[in-house]
Amino acid sequence: MLRVQTVDGDSLVYLIAISSKAPAAGQKALAIPPIERRRVGLDLAGEAWVYVSEVNSDRLNGSWYLEPQEPLGRFSAAFFRKIASAVVSGISASRVVRRAD
């Protein structure tokens, strides 16, 4: 999740999906290694991917989709940089899905 302060004082958040479903043709995703799955509290029995070809956005205040909750865990700094790099390098090709205006 990336949180950006807007000029009206609200926060806009960008969310990147994590899934146990393998990416389909045309989708870009990074496989999450077992040690990183353990760090964030994901199931270790299967596989997991961070999708970098589609990003969701929403306004934090008044969102119908987001509820405050404690994080389950955190990716390592090295893996987070890898995700960020993949998102930034493909940002023009990425699809941003706006959940609310």
PDB file of N, CA and C in Angstrom:
ATOM      1  N   MET A   1       0.840  -1.172   0.000  1.00  0.00           N
ATOM      2  CA  MET A   1       0.000   0.000   0.000  1.00  0.00           C
ATOM      3  C   MET A   1       0.887   1.238   0.000  1.00  0.00           C
ATOM      4  N   LEU A   2       0.537   2.186  -0.846  1.00  0.00           N
ATOM      5  CA  LEU A   2       1.206   3.486  -0.886  1.00  0.00           C
ATOM      6  C   LEU A   2       0.174   4.533  -0.547  1.00  0.00           C
ATOM      7  N   ARG A   3       0.472   5.380   0.432  1.00  0.00           N
ATOM      8  CA  ARG A   3      -0.453   6.430   0.871  1.00  0.00           C
ATOM      9  C   ARG A   3       0.074   7.779   0.400  1.00  0.00           C
ATOM     10  N   VAL A   4      -0.797   8.558  -0.274  1.00  0.00           N
ATOM     11  CA  VAL A   4      -0.426   9.866  -0.804  1.00  0.00           C
ATOM     12  C   VAL A   4      -1.401  10.902  -0.263  1.00  0.00           C
ATOM     13  N   GLN A   5      -0.864  11.988   0.280  1.00  0.00           N
ATOM     14  CA  GLN A   5      -1.701  13.079   0.789  1.00  0.00           C
ATOM     15  C   GLN A   5      -2.203  13.908  -0.388  1.00  0.00           C
ATOM     16  N   THR A   6      -3.512  14.171  -0.446  1.00  0.00           N
ATOM     17  CA  THR A   6      -4.087  14.973  -1.520  1.00  0.00           C
ATOM     18  C   THR A   6      -4.165  16.432  -1.092  1.00  0.00           C
ATOM     19  N   VAL A   7      -4.378  17.337  -2.050  1.00  0.00           N
ATOM     20  CA  VAL A   7      -4.437  18.767  -1.742  1.00  0.00           C
ATOM     21  C   VAL A   7      -5.612  19.127  -0.839  1.00  0.00           C
ATOM     22  N   ASP A   8      -6.667  18.326  -0.844  1.00  0.00           N
ATOM     23  CA  ASP A   8      -7.823  18.610   0.014  1.00  0.00           C
ATOM     24  C   ASP A   8      -7.669  18.013   1.420  1.00  0.00           C
ATOM     25  N   GLY A   9      -6.484  17.459   1.724  1.00  0.00           N
ATOM     26  CA  GLY A   9      -6.205  16.940   3.056  1.00  0.00           C
ATOM     27  C   GLY A   9      -6.573  15.477   3.264  1.00  0.00           C
ATOM     28  N   ASP A  10      -7.152  14.855   2.269  1.00  0.00           N
ATOM     29  CA  ASP A  10      -7.499  13.439   2.350  1.00  0.00           C
ATOM     30  C   ASP A  10      -6.261  12.611   1.997  1.00  0.00           C
ATOM     31  N   SER A  11      -6.364  11.328   2.145  1.00  0.00           N
ATOM     32  CA  SER A  11      -5.293  10.432   1.741  1.00  0.00           C
ATOM     33  C   SER A  11      -5.801   9.510   0.650  1.00  0.00           C
ATOM     34  N   LEU A  12      -5.038   9.407  -0.410  1.00  0.00           N
ATOM     35  CA  LEU A  12      -5.329   8.474  -1.491  1.00  0.00           C
ATOM     36  C   LEU A  12      -4.383   7.300  -1.305  1.00  0.00           C
ATOM     37  N   VAL A  13      -4.912   6.082  -1.340  1.00  0.00           N
ATOM     38  CA  VAL A  13      -4.072   4.908  -1.177  1.00  0.00           C
ATOM     39  C   VAL A  13      -4.072   4.089  -2.458  1.00  0.00           C
ATOM     40  N   TYR A  14      -2.914   3.537  -2.777  1.00  0.00           N
ATOM     41  CA  TYR A  14      -2.753   2.639  -3.911  1.00  0.00           C
ATOM     42  C   TYR A  14      -2.450   1.268  -3.343  1.00  0.00           C
ATOM     43  N   LEU A  15      -3.216   0.281  -3.779  1.00  0.00           N
ATOM     44  CA  LEU A  15      -3.091  -1.074  -3.257  1.00  0.00           C
ATOM     45  C   LEU A  15      -2.677  -2.023  -4.362  1.00  0.00           C
ATOM     46  N   ILE A  16      -1.746  -2.891  -4.039  1.00  0.00           N
ATOM     47  CA  ILE A  16      -1.258  -3.881  -4.993  1.00  0.00           C
ATOM     48  C   ILE A  16      -1.722  -5.247  -4.501  1.00  0.00           C
ATOM     49  N   ALA A  17      -2.323  -6.010  -5.391  1.00  0.00           N
ATOM     50  CA  ALA A  17      -2.911  -7.295  -5.010  1.00  0.00           C
ATOM     51  C   ALA A  17      -1.867  -8.381  -4.769  1.00  0.00           C
ATOM     52  N   ILE A  18      -2.168  -9.222  -3.791  1.00  0.00           N
ATOM     53  CA  ILE A  18      -1.416 -10.445  -3.520  1.00  0.00           C
ATOM     54  C   ILE A  18      -2.398 -11.590  -3.704  1.00  0.00           C
ATOM     55  N   SER A  19      -1.998 -12.620  -4.426  1.00  0.00           N
ATOM     56  CA  SER A  19      -2.907 -13.723  -4.714  1.00  0.00           C
ATOM     57  C   SER A  19      -2.173 -15.058  -4.700  1.00  0.00           C
ATOM     58  N   SER A  20      -2.942 -16.106  -4.435  1.00  0.00           N
ATOM     59  CA  SER A  20      -2.394 -17.457  -4.543  1.00  0.00           C
ATOM     60  C   SER A  20      -2.621 -18.008  -5.950  1.00  0.00           C
ATOM     61  N   LYS A  21      -3.324 -17.246  -6.771  1.00  0.00           N
ATOM     62  CA  LYS A  21      -3.606 -17.649  -8.150  1.00  0.00           C
ATOM     63  C   LYS A  21      -2.489 -17.169  -9.070  1.00  0.00           C
ATOM     64  N   ALA A  22      -1.970 -18.069  -9.881  1.00  0.00           N
ATOM     65  CA  ALA A  22      -0.890 -17.719 -10.812  1.00  0.00           C
ATOM     66  C   ALA A  22      -1.372 -16.681 -11.821  1.00  0.00           C
ATOM     67  N   PRO A  23      -0.487 -15.792 -12.241  1.00  0.00           N
ATOM     68  CA  PRO A  23      -0.892 -14.767 -13.202  1.00  0.00           C
ATOM     69  C   PRO A  23      -1.276 -15.366 -14.554  1.00  0.00           C
ATOM     70  N   ALA A  24      -2.288 -14.775 -15.155  1.00  0.00           N
ATOM     71  CA  ALA A  24      -2.732 -15.184 -16.494  1.00  0.00           C
ATOM     72  C   ALA A  24      -1.868 -14.484 -17.534  1.00  0.00           C
ATOM     73  N   ALA A  25      -2.021 -14.894 -18.770  1.00  0.00           N
ATOM     74  CA  ALA A  25      -1.285 -14.250 -19.863  1.00  0.00           C
ATOM     75  C   ALA A  25      -1.586 -12.757 -19.861  1.00  0.00           C
ATOM     76  N   GLY A  26      -0.558 -11.958 -19.994  1.00  0.00           N
ATOM     77  CA  GLY A  26      -0.722 -10.509 -20.022  1.00  0.00           C
ATOM     78  C   GLY A  26      -0.639  -9.842 -18.663  1.00  0.00           C
ATOM     79  N   GLN A  27      -0.696 -10.626 -17.601  1.00  0.00           N
ATOM     80  CA  GLN A  27      -0.555 -10.065 -16.262  1.00  0.00           C
ATOM     81  C   GLN A  27       0.894 -10.175 -15.817  1.00  0.00           C
ATOM     82  N   LYS A  28       1.345  -9.189 -15.056  1.00  0.00           N
ATOM     83  CA  LYS A  28       2.705  -9.219 -14.525  1.00  0.00           C
ATOM     84  C   LYS A  28       2.631  -9.360 -13.012  1.00  0.00           C
ATOM     85  N   ALA A  29       3.374 -10.331 -12.498  1.00  0.00           N
ATOM     86  CA  ALA A  29       3.387 -10.583 -11.062  1.00  0.00           C
ATOM     87  C   ALA A  29       4.745 -11.139 -10.656  1.00  0.00           C
ATOM     88  N   LEU A  30       5.117 -10.853  -9.429  1.00  0.00           N
ATOM     89  CA  LEU A  30       6.353 -11.396  -8.862  1.00  0.00           C
ATOM     90  C   LEU A  30       5.987 -12.537  -7.924  1.00  0.00           C
ATOM     91  N   ALA A  31       6.656 -13.657  -8.075  1.00  0.00           N
ATOM     92  CA  ALA A  31       6.460 -14.768  -7.141  1.00  0.00           C
ATOM     93  C   ALA A  31       7.013 -14.354  -5.781  1.00  0.00           C
ATOM     94  N   ILE A  32       6.276 -14.666  -4.734  1.00  0.00           N
ATOM     95  CA  ILE A  32       6.719 -14.341  -3.380  1.00  0.00           C
ATOM     96  C   ILE A  32       7.452 -15.552  -2.814  1.00  0.00           C
ATOM     97  N   PRO A  33       8.746 -15.404  -2.517  1.00  0.00           N
ATOM     98  CA  PRO A  33       9.517 -16.528  -1.971  1.00  0.00           C
ATOM     99  C   PRO A  33       8.968 -16.969  -0.605  1.00  0.00           C
ATOM    100  N   PRO A  34       9.196 -18.236  -0.240  1.00  0.00           N
ATOM    101  CA  PRO A  34       8.684 -18.751   1.040  1.00  0.00           C
ATOM    102  C   PRO A  34       9.060 -17.899   2.254  1.00  0.00           C
ATOM    103  N   ILE A  35      10.286 -17.416   2.318  1.00  0.00           N
ATOM    104  CA  ILE A  35      10.691 -16.624   3.487  1.00  0.00           C
ATOM    105  C   ILE A  35       9.887 -15.328   3.580  1.00  0.00           C
ATOM    106  N   GLU A  36       9.554 -14.739   2.425  1.00  0.00           N
ATOM    107  CA  GLU A  36       8.752 -13.513   2.420  1.00  0.00           C
ATOM    108  C   GLU A  36       7.299 -13.827   2.770  1.00  0.00           C
ATOM    109  N   ARG A  37       6.790 -14.970   2.319  1.00  0.00           N
ATOM    110  CA  ARG A  37       5.428 -15.377   2.692  1.00  0.00           C
ATOM    111  C   ARG A  37       5.335 -15.556   4.201  1.00  0.00           C
ATOM    112  N   ARG A  38       6.363 -16.132   4.788  1.00  0.00           N
ATOM    113  CA  ARG A  38       6.404 -16.316   6.239  1.00  0.00           C
ATOM    114  C   ARG A  38       6.407 -14.965   6.948  1.00  0.00           C
ATOM    115  N   ARG A  39       7.175 -14.015   6.430  1.00  0.00           N
ATOM    116  CA  ARG A  39       7.271 -12.685   7.058  1.00  0.00           C
ATOM    117  C   ARG A  39       5.935 -11.955   7.093  1.00  0.00           C
ATOM    118  N   VAL A  40       5.110 -12.157   6.071  1.00  0.00           N
ATOM    119  CA  VAL A  40       3.830 -11.435   6.023  1.00  0.00           C
ATOM    120  C   VAL A  40       2.652 -12.278   6.487  1.00  0.00           C
ATOM    121  N   GLY A  41       2.910 -13.499   6.915  1.00  0.00           N
ATOM    122  CA  GLY A  41       1.858 -14.334   7.467  1.00  0.00           C
ATOM    123  C   GLY A  41       0.998 -15.041   6.435  1.00  0.00           C
ATOM    124  N   LEU A  42       1.545 -15.283   5.246  1.00  0.00           N
ATOM    125  CA  LEU A  42       0.804 -15.999   4.209  1.00  0.00           C
ATOM    126  C   LEU A  42       1.008 -17.508   4.350  1.00  0.00           C
ATOM    127  N   ASP A  43       0.087 -18.270   3.774  1.00  0.00           N
ATOM    128  CA  ASP A  43       0.159 -19.725   3.769  1.00  0.00           C
ATOM    129  C   ASP A  43       1.452 -20.185   3.094  1.00  0.00           C
ATOM    130  N   LEU A  44       2.162 -21.060   3.742  1.00  0.00           N
ATOM    131  CA  LEU A  44       3.425 -21.546   3.192  1.00  0.00           C
ATOM    132  C   LEU A  44       3.247 -22.792   2.332  1.00  0.00           C
ATOM    133  N   ALA A  45       2.055 -23.367   2.341  1.00  0.00           N
ATOM    134  CA  ALA A  45       1.831 -24.608   1.606  1.00  0.00           C
ATOM    135  C   ALA A  45       1.770 -24.397   0.096  1.00  0.00           C
ATOM    136  N   GLY A  46       1.293 -23.264  -0.333  1.00  0.00           N
ATOM    137  CA  GLY A  46       1.142 -23.015  -1.767  1.00  0.00           C
ATOM    138  C   GLY A  46       2.096 -21.943  -2.255  1.00  0.00           C
ATOM    139  N   GLU A  47       1.735 -21.363  -3.381  1.00  0.00           N
ATOM    140  CA  GLU A  47       2.524 -20.266  -3.938  1.00  0.00           C
ATOM    141  C   GLU A  47       1.736 -18.976  -3.806  1.00  0.00           C
ATOM    142  N   ALA A  48       2.417 -17.851  -3.944  1.00  0.00           N
ATOM    143  CA  ALA A  48       1.756 -16.548  -3.878  1.00  0.00           C
ATOM    144  C   ALA A  48       2.485 -15.572  -4.792  1.00  0.00           C
ATOM    145  N   TRP A  49       1.740 -14.622  -5.315  1.00  0.00           N
ATOM    146  CA  TRP A  49       2.282 -13.617  -6.232  1.00  0.00           C
ATOM    147  C   TRP A  49       1.828 -12.231  -5.822  1.00  0.00           C
ATOM    148  N   VAL A  50       2.684 -11.241  -6.100  1.00  0.00           N
ATOM    149  CA  VAL A  50       2.343  -9.828  -5.980  1.00  0.00           C
ATOM    150  C   VAL A  50       2.114  -9.337  -7.402  1.00  0.00           C
ATOM    151  N   TYR A  51       0.893  -8.914  -7.695  1.00  0.00           N
ATOM    152  CA  TYR A  51       0.550  -8.443  -9.041  1.00  0.00           C
ATOM    153  C   TYR A  51       0.996  -6.997  -9.206  1.00  0.00           C
ATOM    154  N   VAL A  52       1.798  -6.736 -10.229  1.00  0.00           N
ATOM    155  CA  VAL A  52       2.321  -5.390 -10.460  1.00  0.00           C
ATOM    156  C   VAL A  52       1.761  -4.760 -11.730  1.00  0.00           C
ATOM    157  N   SER A  53       0.871  -5.468 -12.429  1.00  0.00           N
ATOM    158  CA  SER A  53       0.304  -4.931 -13.667  1.00  0.00           C
ATOM    159  C   SER A  53      -1.053  -4.258 -13.441  1.00  0.00           C
ATOM    160  N   GLU A  54      -1.559  -4.301 -12.224  1.00  0.00           N
ATOM    161  CA  GLU A  54      -2.806  -3.609 -11.900  1.00  0.00           C
ATOM    162  C   GLU A  54      -2.719  -3.080 -10.483  1.00  0.00           C
ATOM    163  N   VAL A  55      -3.095  -1.829 -10.314  1.00  0.00           N
ATOM    164  CA  VAL A  55      -3.051  -1.168  -9.019  1.00  0.00           C
ATOM    165  C   VAL A  55      -4.443  -0.627  -8.719  1.00  0.00           C
ATOM    166  N   ASN A  56      -4.916  -0.819  -7.499  1.00  0.00           N
ATOM    167  CA  ASN A  56      -6.205  -0.268  -7.073  1.00  0.00           C
ATOM    168  C   ASN A  56      -5.963   1.018  -6.300  1.00  0.00           C
ATOM    169  N   SER A  57      -6.857   1.987  -6.451  1.00  0.00           N
ATOM    170  CA  SER A  57      -6.748   3.219  -5.667  1.00  0.00           C
ATOM    171  C   SER A  57      -8.074   3.508  -4.985  1.00  0.00           C
ATOM    172  N   ASP A  58      -7.986   4.167  -3.847  1.00  0.00           N
ATOM    173  CA  ASP A  58      -9.179   4.531  -3.089  1.00  0.00           C
ATOM    174  C   ASP A  58      -8.822   5.697  -2.175  1.00  0.00           C
ATOM    175  N   ARG A  59      -9.839   6.478  -1.805  1.00  0.00           N
ATOM    176  CA  ARG A  59      -9.647   7.524  -0.796  1.00  0.00           C
ATOM    177  C   ARG A  59      -9.769   6.862   0.573  1.00  0.00           C
ATOM    178  N   LEU A  60      -8.827   7.157   1.441  1.00  0.00           N
ATOM    179  CA  LEU A  60      -8.797   6.514   2.748  1.00  0.00           C
ATOM    180  C   LEU A  60      -9.984   6.929   3.614  1.00  0.00           C
ATOM    181  N   ASN A  61     -10.271   8.235   3.660  1.00  0.00           N
ATOM    182  CA  ASN A  61     -11.395   8.728   4.460  1.00  0.00           C
ATOM    183  C   ASN A  61     -12.710   8.423   3.742  1.00  0.00           C
ATOM    184  N   GLY A  62     -13.583   7.725   4.409  1.00  0.00           N
ATOM    185  CA  GLY A  62     -14.889   7.429   3.841  1.00  0.00           C
ATOM    186  C   GLY A  62     -14.909   6.273   2.856  1.00  0.00           C
ATOM    187  N   SER A  63     -13.872   5.479   2.812  1.00  0.00           N
ATOM    188  CA  SER A  63     -13.830   4.350   1.893  1.00  0.00           C
ATOM    189  C   SER A  63     -14.870   3.303   2.277  1.00  0.00           C
ATOM    190  N   TRP A  64     -15.519   2.765   1.264  1.00  0.00           N
ATOM    191  CA  TRP A  64     -16.454   1.667   1.475  1.00  0.00           C
ATOM    192  C   TRP A  64     -15.721   0.324   1.502  1.00  0.00           C
ATOM    193  N   TYR A  65     -14.456   0.320   1.094  1.00  0.00           N
ATOM    194  CA  TYR A  65     -13.718  -0.928   0.912  1.00  0.00           C
ATOM    195  C   TYR A  65     -12.667  -1.189   1.980  1.00  0.00           C
ATOM    196  N   LEU A  66     -12.159  -0.136   2.596  1.00  0.00           N
ATOM    197  CA  LEU A  66     -11.037  -0.298   3.521  1.00  0.00           C
ATOM    198  C   LEU A  66     -11.483  -0.135   4.969  1.00  0.00           C
ATOM    199  N   GLU A  67     -11.021  -1.036   5.805  1.00  0.00           N
ATOM    200  CA  GLU A  67     -11.250  -0.946   7.239  1.00  0.00           C
ATOM    201  C   GLU A  67      -9.896  -0.989   7.926  1.00  0.00           C
ATOM    202  N   PRO A  68      -9.697  -0.138   8.932  1.00  0.00           N
ATOM    203  CA  PRO A  68      -8.412  -0.168   9.646  1.00  0.00           C
ATOM    204  C   PRO A  68      -8.158  -1.540  10.253  1.00  0.00           C
ATOM    205  N   GLN A  69      -6.942  -2.007  10.117  1.00  0.00           N
ATOM    206  CA  GLN A  69      -6.560  -3.273  10.738  1.00  0.00           C
ATOM    207  C   GLN A  69      -5.055  -3.304  10.922  1.00  0.00           C
ATOM    208  N   GLU A  70      -4.630  -4.119  11.837  1.00  0.00           N
ATOM    209  CA  GLU A  70      -3.199  -4.274  12.094  1.00  0.00           C
ATOM    210  C   GLU A  70      -2.574  -5.104  10.981  1.00  0.00           C
ATOM    211  N   PRO A  71      -1.372  -4.744  10.528  1.00  0.00           N
ATOM    212  CA  PRO A  71      -0.697  -5.553   9.507  1.00  0.00           C
ATOM    213  C   PRO A  71      -0.387  -6.948  10.035  1.00  0.00           C
ATOM    214  N   LEU A  72      -0.450  -7.929   9.146  1.00  0.00           N
ATOM    215  CA  LEU A  72      -0.105  -9.298   9.515  1.00  0.00           C
ATOM    216  C   LEU A  72       1.402  -9.472   9.604  1.00  0.00           C
ATOM    217  N   GLY A  73       2.108  -8.722   8.803  1.00  0.00           N
ATOM    218  CA  GLY A  73       3.561  -8.799   8.751  1.00  0.00           C
ATOM    219  C   GLY A  73       4.087  -7.811   7.740  1.00  0.00           C
ATOM    220  N   ARG A  74       5.359  -7.959   7.402  1.00  0.00           N
ATOM    221  CA  ARG A  74       6.010  -7.006   6.519  1.00  0.00           C
ATOM    222  C   ARG A  74       7.043  -7.712   5.658  1.00  0.00           C
ATOM    223  N   PHE A  75       7.080  -7.345   4.359  1.00  0.00           N
ATOM    224  CA  PHE A  75       8.127  -7.869   3.491  1.00  0.00           C
ATOM    225  C   PHE A  75       9.466  -7.276   3.908  1.00  0.00           C
ATOM    226  N   SER A  76      10.536  -7.977   3.589  1.00  0.00           N
ATOM    227  CA  SER A  76      11.873  -7.438   3.833  1.00  0.00           C
ATOM    228  C   SER A  76      12.072  -6.203   2.961  1.00  0.00           C
ATOM    229  N   ALA A  77      13.005  -5.353   3.356  1.00  0.00           N
ATOM    230  CA  ALA A  77      13.311  -4.147   2.580  1.00  0.00           C
ATOM    231  C   ALA A  77      13.759  -4.508   1.167  1.00  0.00           C
ATOM    232  N   ALA A  78      14.540  -5.564   1.037  1.00  0.00           N
ATOM    233  CA  ALA A  78      15.046  -5.971  -0.283  1.00  0.00           C
ATOM    234  C   ALA A  78      13.908  -6.413  -1.204  1.00  0.00           C
ATOM    235  N   PHE A  79      12.971  -7.208  -0.683  1.00  0.00           N
ATOM    236  CA  PHE A  79      11.862  -7.658  -1.519  1.00  0.00           C
ATOM    237  C   PHE A  79      10.912  -6.498  -1.821  1.00  0.00           C
ATOM    238  N   PHE A  80      10.708  -5.610  -0.850  1.00  0.00           N
ATOM    239  CA  PHE A  80       9.866  -4.435  -1.078  1.00  0.00           C
ATOM    240  C   PHE A  80      10.447  -3.566  -2.197  1.00  0.00           C
ATOM    241  N   ARG A  81      11.763  -3.386  -2.200  1.00  0.00           N
ATOM    242  CA  ARG A  81      12.405  -2.607  -3.286  1.00  0.00           C
ATOM    243  C   ARG A  81      12.183  -3.279  -4.633  1.00  0.00           C
ATOM    244  N   LYS A  82      12.231  -4.607  -4.664  1.00  0.00           N
ATOM    245  CA  LYS A  82      11.990  -5.346  -5.907  1.00  0.00           C
ATOM    246  C   LYS A  82      10.559  -5.112  -6.400  1.00  0.00           C
ATOM    247  N   ILE A  83       9.596  -5.135  -5.487  1.00  0.00           N
ATOM    248  CA  ILE A  83       8.196  -4.862  -5.847  1.00  0.00           C
ATOM    249  C   ILE A  83       8.066  -3.428  -6.350  1.00  0.00           C
ATOM    250  N   ALA A  84       8.611  -2.485  -5.598  1.00  0.00           N
ATOM    251  CA  ALA A  84       8.520  -1.069  -5.979  1.00  0.00           C
ATOM    252  C   ALA A  84       9.136  -0.825  -7.346  1.00  0.00           C
ATOM    253  N   SER A  85      10.265  -1.431  -7.600  1.00  0.00           N
ATOM    254  CA  SER A  85      10.932  -1.275  -8.885  1.00  0.00           C
ATOM    255  C   SER A  85      10.070  -1.814 -10.022  1.00  0.00           C
ATOM    256  N   ALA A  86       9.449  -2.970  -9.801  1.00  0.00           N
ATOM    257  CA  ALA A  86       8.591  -3.564 -10.832  1.00  0.00           C
ATOM    258  C   ALA A  86       7.373  -2.695 -11.101  1.00  0.00           C
ATOM    259  N   VAL A  87       6.798  -2.120 -10.050  1.00  0.00           N
ATOM    260  CA  VAL A  87       5.637  -1.245 -10.223  1.00  0.00           C
ATOM    261  C   VAL A  87       6.048   0.038 -10.945  1.00  0.00           C
ATOM    262  N   VAL A  88       7.127   0.661 -10.497  1.00  0.00           N
ATOM    263  CA  VAL A  88       7.567   1.921 -11.108  1.00  0.00           C
ATOM    264  C   VAL A  88       7.966   1.718 -12.559  1.00  0.00           C
ATOM    265  N   SER A  89       8.671   0.650 -12.857  1.00  0.00           N
ATOM    266  CA  SER A  89       9.105   0.423 -14.240  1.00  0.00           C
ATOM    267  C   SER A  89       7.941   0.134 -15.164  1.00  0.00           C
ATOM    268  N   GLY A  90       6.870  -0.376 -14.622  1.00  0.00           N
ATOM    269  CA  GLY A  90       5.723  -0.686 -15.466  1.00  0.00           C
ATOM    270  C   GLY A  90       4.534   0.229 -15.234  1.00  0.00           C
ATOM    271  N   ILE A  91       4.758   1.365 -14.560  1.00  0.00           N
ATOM    272  CA  ILE A  91       3.644   2.223 -14.175  1.00  0.00           C
ATOM    273  C   ILE A  91       2.833   2.717 -15.375  1.00  0.00           C
ATOM    274  N   SER A  92       3.467   2.998 -16.485  1.00  0.00           N
ATOM    275  CA  SER A  92       2.715   3.475 -17.641  1.00  0.00           C
ATOM    276  C   SER A  92       1.880   2.348 -18.251  1.00  0.00           C
ATOM    277  N   ALA A  93       2.339   1.126 -18.093  1.00  0.00           N
ATOM    278  CA  ALA A  93       1.601  -0.021 -18.632  1.00  0.00           C
ATOM    279  C   ALA A  93       0.612  -0.574 -17.609  1.00  0.00           C
ATOM    280  N   SER A  94       0.749  -0.157 -16.343  1.00  0.00           N
ATOM    281  CA  SER A  94      -0.132  -0.654 -15.299  1.00  0.00           C
ATOM    282  C   SER A  94      -1.523  -0.059 -15.429  1.00  0.00           C
ATOM    283  N   ARG A  95      -2.476  -0.810 -14.979  1.00  0.00           N
ATOM    284  CA  ARG A  95      -3.850  -0.355 -14.967  1.00  0.00           C
ATOM    285  C   ARG A  95      -4.202   0.077 -13.548  1.00  0.00           C
ATOM    286  N   VAL A  96      -4.657   1.326 -13.379  1.00  0.00           N
ATOM    287  CA  VAL A  96      -5.081   1.806 -12.071  1.00  0.00           C
ATOM    288  C   VAL A  96      -6.601   1.739 -12.035  1.00  0.00           C
ATOM    289  N   VAL A  97      -7.121   0.981 -11.076  1.00  0.00           N
ATOM    290  CA  VAL A  97      -8.563   0.824 -10.925  1.00  0.00           C
ATOM    291  C   VAL A  97      -8.996   1.693  -9.756  1.00  0.00           C
ATOM    292  N   ARG A  98      -9.806   2.719 -10.044  1.00  0.00           N
ATOM    293  CA  ARG A  98     -10.279   3.616  -8.997  1.00  0.00           C
ATOM    294  C   ARG A  98     -11.501   3.017  -8.346  1.00  0.00           C
ATOM    295  N   ARG A  99     -11.437   2.835  -7.044  1.00  0.00           N
ATOM    296  CA  ARG A  99     -12.541   2.235  -6.299  1.00  0.00           C
ATOM    297  C   ARG A  99     -13.550   3.282  -5.852  1.00  0.00           C
ATOM    298  N   ALA A 100     -13.143   4.539  -5.715  1.00  0.00           N
ATOM    299  CA  ALA A 100     -14.044   5.609  -5.291  1.00  0.00           C
ATOM    300  C   ALA A 100     -13.493   6.935  -5.785  1.00  0.00           C
ATOM    301  N   ASP A 101     -14.353   7.921  -5.915  1.00  0.00           N
ATOM    302  CA  ASP A 101     -13.927   9.278  -6.299  1.00  0.00           C
ATOM    303  C   ASP A 101     -14.069  10.205  -5.132  1.00  0.00           C
TER     304      ASP A 101
END
